[in-house]
Amino acid sequence: MVTIRLSRGGAKKRPFYHLTVTDSRNSRDGAFIERVGFFNPTARGQETKLKVERERVEYWISQGAQLSERVQKLLKEQAA
């Protein structure tokens, strides 16, 4: 099954996440099909906290991709 989930990057104590489209059997930071955005939980000031390519997310959902719980929550917050 194809999943849209977060993949961790960044340094120790400075997390940075990519929103990735991947096969659910792959490891969290392993191979992915496409990157569709990013989430920076430690963003301050003018830094962007969340960026999502909505068209690509909608495309993958139409193809049967499932969203992880955290990604669902992030997309809901962004829409509000």
N, C-alpha and C. Protein backbone atom coordinates (compact mmCIF):
# COMPACT_ATOMS: atom_id res chain seq x y z
N MET A 1 0.84 -1.17 0.00
CA MET A 1 0.00 0.00 0.00
C MET A 1 0.89 1.25 0.00
N VAL A 2 0.48 2.24 -0.73
CA VAL A 2 1.22 3.51 -0.79
C VAL A 2 0.73 4.40 0.35
N THR A 3 1.70 5.03 1.04
CA THR A 3 1.41 5.86 2.20
C THR A 3 2.08 7.21 2.05
N ILE A 4 1.40 8.25 2.53
CA ILE A 4 2.01 9.58 2.62
C ILE A 4 2.32 9.78 4.09
N ARG A 5 3.61 9.88 4.41
CA ARG A 5 4.04 9.98 5.80
C ARG A 5 5.26 10.86 5.94
N LEU A 6 5.69 11.08 7.19
CA LEU A 6 6.85 11.92 7.46
C LEU A 6 8.12 11.08 7.46
N SER A 7 9.19 11.67 6.92
CA SER A 7 10.50 11.06 6.92
C SER A 7 11.44 12.03 7.63
N ARG A 8 12.14 11.57 8.67
CA ARG A 8 12.92 12.47 9.50
C ARG A 8 14.27 12.80 8.88
N GLY A 9 14.64 14.04 9.03
CA GLY A 9 15.95 14.52 8.62
C GLY A 9 16.44 15.50 9.67
N GLY A 10 17.44 16.27 9.35
CA GLY A 10 17.93 17.26 10.30
C GLY A 10 18.96 16.67 11.25
N ALA A 11 19.46 17.52 12.13
CA ALA A 11 20.49 17.11 13.07
C ALA A 11 19.88 16.64 14.39
N LYS A 12 20.72 16.14 15.23
CA LYS A 12 20.29 15.73 16.56
C LYS A 12 19.71 16.93 17.30
N LYS A 13 18.55 16.74 17.90
CA LYS A 13 17.81 17.78 18.63
C LYS A 13 17.28 18.90 17.73
N ARG A 14 17.40 18.78 16.41
CA ARG A 14 16.88 19.76 15.45
C ARG A 14 16.15 19.01 14.34
N PRO A 15 14.96 18.48 14.65
CA PRO A 15 14.26 17.67 13.65
C PRO A 15 13.74 18.47 12.47
N PHE A 16 13.69 17.80 11.34
CA PHE A 16 13.13 18.34 10.10
C PHE A 16 12.52 17.16 9.37
N TYR A 17 11.31 17.32 8.89
CA TYR A 17 10.62 16.19 8.27
C TYR A 17 10.22 16.50 6.83
N HIS A 18 10.38 15.52 5.95
CA HIS A 18 9.88 15.60 4.59
C HIS A 18 8.58 14.81 4.53
N LEU A 19 7.57 15.33 3.83
CA LEU A 19 6.36 14.56 3.55
C LEU A 19 6.67 13.73 2.32
N THR A 20 6.66 12.42 2.46
CA THR A 20 7.04 11.54 1.36
C THR A 20 5.92 10.58 1.02
N VAL A 21 5.86 10.25 -0.25
CA VAL A 21 4.97 9.20 -0.76
C VAL A 21 5.85 7.97 -0.88
N THR A 22 5.47 6.90 -0.18
CA THR A 22 6.31 5.71 -0.15
C THR A 22 5.48 4.45 0.01
N ASP A 23 6.08 3.33 -0.28
CA ASP A 23 5.45 2.04 -0.02
C ASP A 23 5.47 1.82 1.49
N SER A 24 4.39 1.37 2.06
CA SER A 24 4.30 1.23 3.51
C SER A 24 5.29 0.23 4.07
N ARG A 25 5.83 -0.66 3.24
CA ARG A 25 6.79 -1.66 3.71
C ARG A 25 8.20 -1.10 3.85
N ASN A 26 8.47 0.07 3.25
CA ASN A 26 9.80 0.67 3.36
C ASN A 26 10.01 1.26 4.74
N SER A 27 11.28 1.38 5.14
CA SER A 27 11.58 1.97 6.45
C SER A 27 11.25 3.46 6.44
N ARG A 28 11.16 4.05 7.62
CA ARG A 28 10.74 5.44 7.76
C ARG A 28 11.58 6.39 6.91
N ASP A 29 12.89 6.24 6.96
CA ASP A 29 13.78 7.13 6.22
C ASP A 29 14.35 6.48 4.96
N GLY A 30 13.72 5.40 4.52
CA GLY A 30 14.23 4.66 3.37
C GLY A 30 13.76 5.22 2.04
N ALA A 31 13.67 4.34 1.07
CA ALA A 31 13.31 4.73 -0.29
C ALA A 31 11.91 5.33 -0.33
N PHE A 32 11.72 6.29 -1.24
CA PHE A 32 10.42 6.91 -1.39
C PHE A 32 10.14 7.12 -2.87
N ILE A 33 8.86 7.36 -3.19
CA ILE A 33 8.45 7.58 -4.57
C ILE A 33 8.58 9.06 -4.92
N GLU A 34 8.08 9.92 -4.02
CA GLU A 34 8.08 11.35 -4.30
C GLU A 34 8.02 12.13 -2.99
N ARG A 35 8.68 13.29 -2.95
CA ARG A 35 8.56 14.21 -1.82
C ARG A 35 7.51 15.25 -2.18
N VAL A 36 6.55 15.46 -1.28
CA VAL A 36 5.45 16.38 -1.58
C VAL A 36 5.40 17.55 -0.60
N GLY A 37 6.43 17.75 0.18
CA GLY A 37 6.45 18.89 1.09
C GLY A 37 7.40 18.66 2.24
N PHE A 38 7.34 19.58 3.22
CA PHE A 38 8.16 19.44 4.41
C PHE A 38 7.45 20.03 5.62
N PHE A 39 7.93 19.64 6.80
CA PHE A 39 7.41 20.12 8.08
C PHE A 39 8.61 20.42 8.97
N ASN A 40 8.68 21.65 9.45
CA ASN A 40 9.77 22.08 10.33
C ASN A 40 9.18 22.46 11.68
N PRO A 41 9.15 21.54 12.65
CA PRO A 41 8.51 21.82 13.94
C PRO A 41 9.22 22.87 14.77
N THR A 42 10.48 23.16 14.48
CA THR A 42 11.25 24.13 15.25
C THR A 42 11.37 25.47 14.55
N ALA A 43 10.51 25.75 13.57
CA ALA A 43 10.58 27.00 12.82
C ALA A 43 10.32 28.19 13.73
N ARG A 44 11.09 29.24 13.53
CA ARG A 44 10.94 30.46 14.31
C ARG A 44 10.90 31.66 13.37
N GLY A 45 10.21 32.70 13.79
CA GLY A 45 10.21 33.95 13.03
C GLY A 45 9.65 33.79 11.63
N GLN A 46 10.44 34.14 10.65
CA GLN A 46 10.02 34.14 9.26
C GLN A 46 10.15 32.77 8.58
N GLU A 47 10.70 31.79 9.28
CA GLU A 47 10.88 30.46 8.69
C GLU A 47 9.52 29.80 8.41
N THR A 48 9.46 29.04 7.34
CA THR A 48 8.24 28.32 6.98
C THR A 48 8.13 27.05 7.82
N LYS A 49 6.99 26.87 8.47
CA LYS A 49 6.79 25.70 9.32
C LYS A 49 6.30 24.50 8.52
N LEU A 50 5.41 24.74 7.55
CA LEU A 50 4.83 23.65 6.78
C LEU A 50 4.62 24.08 5.34
N LYS A 51 5.07 23.26 4.42
CA LYS A 51 4.84 23.50 2.99
C LYS A 51 4.39 22.19 2.38
N VAL A 52 3.25 22.23 1.68
CA VAL A 52 2.70 21.02 1.08
C VAL A 52 2.29 21.32 -0.36
N GLU A 53 2.65 20.44 -1.27
CA GLU A 53 2.19 20.54 -2.66
C GLU A 53 0.83 19.85 -2.72
N ARG A 54 -0.23 20.63 -2.53
CA ARG A 54 -1.59 20.10 -2.43
C ARG A 54 -2.02 19.29 -3.66
N GLU A 55 -1.65 19.77 -4.85
CA GLU A 55 -2.07 19.05 -6.07
C GLU A 55 -1.52 17.63 -6.09
N ARG A 56 -0.25 17.50 -5.69
CA ARG A 56 0.36 16.17 -5.70
C ARG A 56 -0.24 15.27 -4.62
N VAL A 57 -0.54 15.83 -3.45
CA VAL A 57 -1.17 15.05 -2.38
C VAL A 57 -2.54 14.57 -2.84
N GLU A 58 -3.32 15.46 -3.45
CA GLU A 58 -4.64 15.08 -3.95
C GLU A 58 -4.53 14.00 -5.03
N TYR A 59 -3.52 14.12 -5.88
CA TYR A 59 -3.30 13.11 -6.92
C TYR A 59 -3.04 11.74 -6.29
N TRP A 60 -2.14 11.69 -5.30
CA TRP A 60 -1.80 10.40 -4.69
C TRP A 60 -2.97 9.82 -3.92
N ILE A 61 -3.78 10.68 -3.29
CA ILE A 61 -4.97 10.18 -2.59
C ILE A 61 -5.94 9.58 -3.60
N SER A 62 -6.07 10.22 -4.77
CA SER A 62 -6.96 9.69 -5.81
C SER A 62 -6.45 8.36 -6.35
N GLN A 63 -5.15 8.11 -6.24
CA GLN A 63 -4.56 6.85 -6.69
C GLN A 63 -4.61 5.77 -5.60
N GLY A 64 -5.16 6.12 -4.42
CA GLY A 64 -5.33 5.13 -3.36
C GLY A 64 -4.36 5.23 -2.21
N ALA A 65 -3.55 6.28 -2.17
CA ALA A 65 -2.59 6.43 -1.07
C ALA A 65 -3.31 6.77 0.23
N GLN A 66 -2.77 6.25 1.33
CA GLN A 66 -3.32 6.52 2.65
C GLN A 66 -2.43 7.54 3.36
N LEU A 67 -3.04 8.42 4.14
CA LEU A 67 -2.29 9.40 4.92
C LEU A 67 -2.01 8.83 6.31
N SER A 68 -0.81 9.12 6.84
CA SER A 68 -0.53 8.75 8.23
C SER A 68 -1.33 9.70 9.12
N GLU A 69 -1.49 9.32 10.38
CA GLU A 69 -2.27 10.14 11.31
C GLU A 69 -1.68 11.54 11.44
N ARG A 70 -0.38 11.64 11.56
CA ARG A 70 0.27 12.94 11.74
C ARG A 70 0.11 13.81 10.50
N VAL A 71 0.24 13.24 9.32
CA VAL A 71 0.07 14.00 8.09
C VAL A 71 -1.37 14.48 7.96
N GLN A 72 -2.34 13.65 8.32
CA GLN A 72 -3.75 14.08 8.31
C GLN A 72 -3.94 15.29 9.20
N LYS A 73 -3.35 15.24 10.38
CA LYS A 73 -3.48 16.35 11.34
C LYS A 73 -2.82 17.62 10.79
N LEU A 74 -1.65 17.50 10.18
CA LEU A 74 -0.95 18.66 9.62
C LEU A 74 -1.76 19.29 8.48
N LEU A 75 -2.31 18.46 7.60
CA LEU A 75 -3.09 18.98 6.49
C LEU A 75 -4.37 19.67 6.98
N LYS A 76 -4.95 19.12 8.02
CA LYS A 76 -6.17 19.72 8.60
C LYS A 76 -5.85 21.09 9.21
N GLU A 77 -4.71 21.19 9.91
CA GLU A 77 -4.28 22.46 10.51
C GLU A 77 -4.01 23.50 9.43
N GLN A 78 -3.37 23.07 8.34
CA GLN A 78 -3.04 24.01 7.26
C GLN A 78 -4.29 24.53 6.57
N ALA A 79 -5.29 23.68 6.42
CA ALA A 79 -6.53 24.09 5.75
C ALA A 79 -7.32 25.08 6.60
N ALA A 80 -7.18 25.00 7.91
CA ALA A 80 -7.96 25.86 8.81
C ALA A 80 -7.43 27.26 8.87
